[in-house]
Amino acid sequence: MAMNPTESLPTSMEMSTASLPQMCPRYEHIAQLLGKRWTGLILDSLMGGPRRFCELTASVEGLSDRVLSDRLRELEVEGIIERIVYPQIPVRVEYRLTEKGSALRPVVQEMHVWAENWLPLPDTHEKEQ
């Protein structure tokens, strides 16, 4: 069978990537969401129960109000957390995990186990200097 002169053979790069399995879009989506800076720490804090905005800020050292607000909004859009507004004076707002968010508990727990087994504690003396 003769090849048409305008056709080209696949390159080695094309052949090697063609044989790789495609990343599951669901896995890729959750990996991107949970991989964002601070998101895992926010979820870990919410695993302990509902938290107010200021409690979340206090529990995650270095987290700015703006970034916390963005992350909470993203998690709410994904259905992982819910924002509860209590109509009182002053208005009280809490964030808590939904059923979908609570289903991440084993994932977060296993990340703790993995970290304890494989990562050394940060040197606290370096932070103080």
Protein backbone atom coordinates (compact mmCIF):
# COMPACT_ATOMS: atom_id res chain seq x y z
CA MET A 1 0.00 0.00 0.00
CA ALA A 2 1.58 3.26 -1.15
CA MET A 3 1.54 6.32 1.07
CA ASN A 4 0.14 9.58 -0.19
CA PRO A 5 3.05 12.09 -0.35
CA THR A 6 1.05 14.61 1.74
CA GLU A 7 0.58 12.11 4.59
CA SER A 8 3.24 11.84 7.24
CA LEU A 9 4.18 9.09 9.61
CA PRO A 10 3.42 9.71 13.29
CA THR A 11 6.36 11.00 15.24
CA SER A 12 7.76 9.01 18.18
CA MET A 13 6.21 11.61 20.52
CA GLU A 14 2.78 11.13 18.94
CA MET A 15 3.10 7.35 19.13
CA SER A 16 4.20 7.37 22.78
CA THR A 17 1.44 9.73 23.95
CA ALA A 18 -1.18 7.91 21.91
CA SER A 19 -0.56 4.72 23.87
CA LEU A 20 -0.94 6.43 27.28
CA PRO A 21 -4.29 6.12 29.00
CA GLN A 22 -6.23 9.36 29.23
CA MET A 23 -6.55 11.01 32.64
CA CYS A 24 -10.03 10.58 34.07
CA PRO A 25 -11.70 14.00 33.84
CA ARG A 26 -13.34 13.53 37.23
CA TYR A 27 -10.03 12.75 38.90
CA GLU A 28 -8.35 15.64 37.12
CA HIS A 29 -11.11 18.00 38.29
CA ILE A 30 -10.90 17.03 41.98
CA ALA A 31 -7.08 17.00 41.88
CA GLN A 32 -7.09 20.56 40.53
CA LEU A 33 -9.66 21.68 43.09
CA LEU A 34 -8.02 20.08 46.13
CA GLY A 35 -4.55 20.94 44.86
CA LYS A 36 -5.16 24.66 45.14
CA ARG A 37 -3.19 26.30 47.91
CA TRP A 38 -5.07 26.39 51.24
CA THR A 39 -8.03 24.26 50.09
CA GLY A 40 -6.87 21.11 51.87
CA LEU A 41 -6.22 23.02 55.09
CA ILE A 42 -9.65 24.67 54.92
CA LEU A 43 -11.31 21.27 54.44
CA ASP A 44 -9.26 19.81 57.29
CA SER A 45 -10.45 22.58 59.57
CA LEU A 46 -14.08 22.01 58.53
CA MET A 47 -13.75 18.29 59.29
CA GLY A 48 -13.92 19.36 62.95
CA GLY A 49 -17.37 20.87 62.46
CA PRO A 50 -18.92 24.13 61.31
CA ARG A 51 -16.67 27.19 61.42
CA ARG A 52 -17.19 30.90 61.11
CA PHE A 53 -15.07 32.88 58.68
CA CYS A 54 -12.85 34.31 61.42
CA GLU A 55 -12.35 30.84 62.93
CA LEU A 56 -11.16 29.54 59.57
CA THR A 57 -8.79 32.47 59.19
CA ALA A 58 -7.38 31.81 62.66
CA SER A 59 -7.01 28.05 62.09
CA VAL A 60 -5.07 28.39 58.83
CA GLU A 61 -1.99 30.51 59.47
CA GLY A 62 -1.07 32.83 56.60
CA LEU A 63 -4.43 32.60 54.81
CA SER A 64 -5.72 36.00 53.69
CA ASP A 65 -9.39 36.95 53.90
CA ARG A 66 -9.57 37.40 50.12
CA VAL A 67 -8.15 33.94 49.35
CA LEU A 68 -10.31 32.31 52.02
CA SER A 69 -13.38 33.96 50.53
CA ASP A 70 -12.42 32.70 47.04
CA ARG A 71 -11.78 29.14 48.24
CA LEU A 72 -15.02 29.01 50.23
CA ARG A 73 -16.94 30.20 47.18
CA GLU A 74 -15.28 27.54 44.97
CA LEU A 75 -16.05 24.79 47.48
CA GLU A 76 -19.64 26.00 47.80
CA VAL A 77 -20.12 26.00 44.01
CA GLU A 78 -18.80 22.40 43.96
CA GLY A 79 -21.31 21.41 46.65
CA ILE A 80 -18.54 20.45 49.10
CA ILE A 81 -19.46 23.04 51.72
CA GLU A 82 -22.51 25.08 52.49
CA ARG A 83 -22.82 28.59 53.83
CA ILE A 84 -25.35 28.91 56.64
CA VAL A 85 -26.66 32.38 57.46
CA TYR A 86 -28.32 32.79 60.86
CA PRO A 87 -30.72 35.73 60.81
CA GLN A 88 -29.81 37.40 64.05
CA ILE A 89 -28.21 40.69 64.99
CA PRO A 90 -25.41 40.74 64.14
CA VAL A 91 -25.81 38.23 61.32
CA ARG A 92 -23.86 35.04 61.94
CA VAL A 93 -22.46 33.02 59.03
CA GLU A 94 -21.01 29.53 59.34
CA TYR A 95 -19.51 27.15 56.83
CA ARG A 96 -19.92 23.41 57.09
CA LEU A 97 -19.31 20.34 55.01
CA THR A 98 -22.15 18.91 52.97
CA GLU A 99 -22.64 15.17 52.62
CA LYS A 100 -20.42 15.37 49.54
CA GLY A 101 -17.75 17.21 51.54
CA SER A 102 -17.98 14.80 54.47
CA ALA A 103 -17.33 11.97 52.03
CA LEU A 104 -13.80 13.42 51.68
CA ARG A 105 -13.06 12.61 55.34
CA PRO A 106 -11.27 9.29 54.57
CA VAL A 107 -9.16 11.06 51.93
CA VAL A 108 -8.10 13.78 54.38
CA GLN A 109 -7.43 11.20 57.10
CA GLU A 110 -5.25 9.13 54.77
CA MET A 111 -3.32 12.26 53.80
CA HIS A 112 -2.60 12.77 57.52
CA VAL A 113 -1.42 9.16 57.84
CA TRP A 114 0.75 9.41 54.75
CA ALA A 115 2.29 12.70 55.93
CA GLU A 116 3.06 11.27 59.38
CA ASN A 117 4.76 8.25 57.80
CA TRP A 118 6.69 9.97 55.04
CA LEU A 119 7.30 13.64 55.80
CA PRO A 120 9.58 15.02 58.49
CA LEU A 121 8.26 17.77 60.72
CA PRO A 122 9.36 21.21 59.55
CA ASP A 123 12.27 22.57 61.57
CA THR A 124 10.68 25.11 63.91
CA HIS A 125 14.05 26.78 64.52
CA GLU A 126 14.19 27.87 60.86
CA LYS A 127 10.79 29.61 61.22
CA GLU A 128 11.90 31.52 64.30
CA GLN A 129 14.98 33.01 62.61
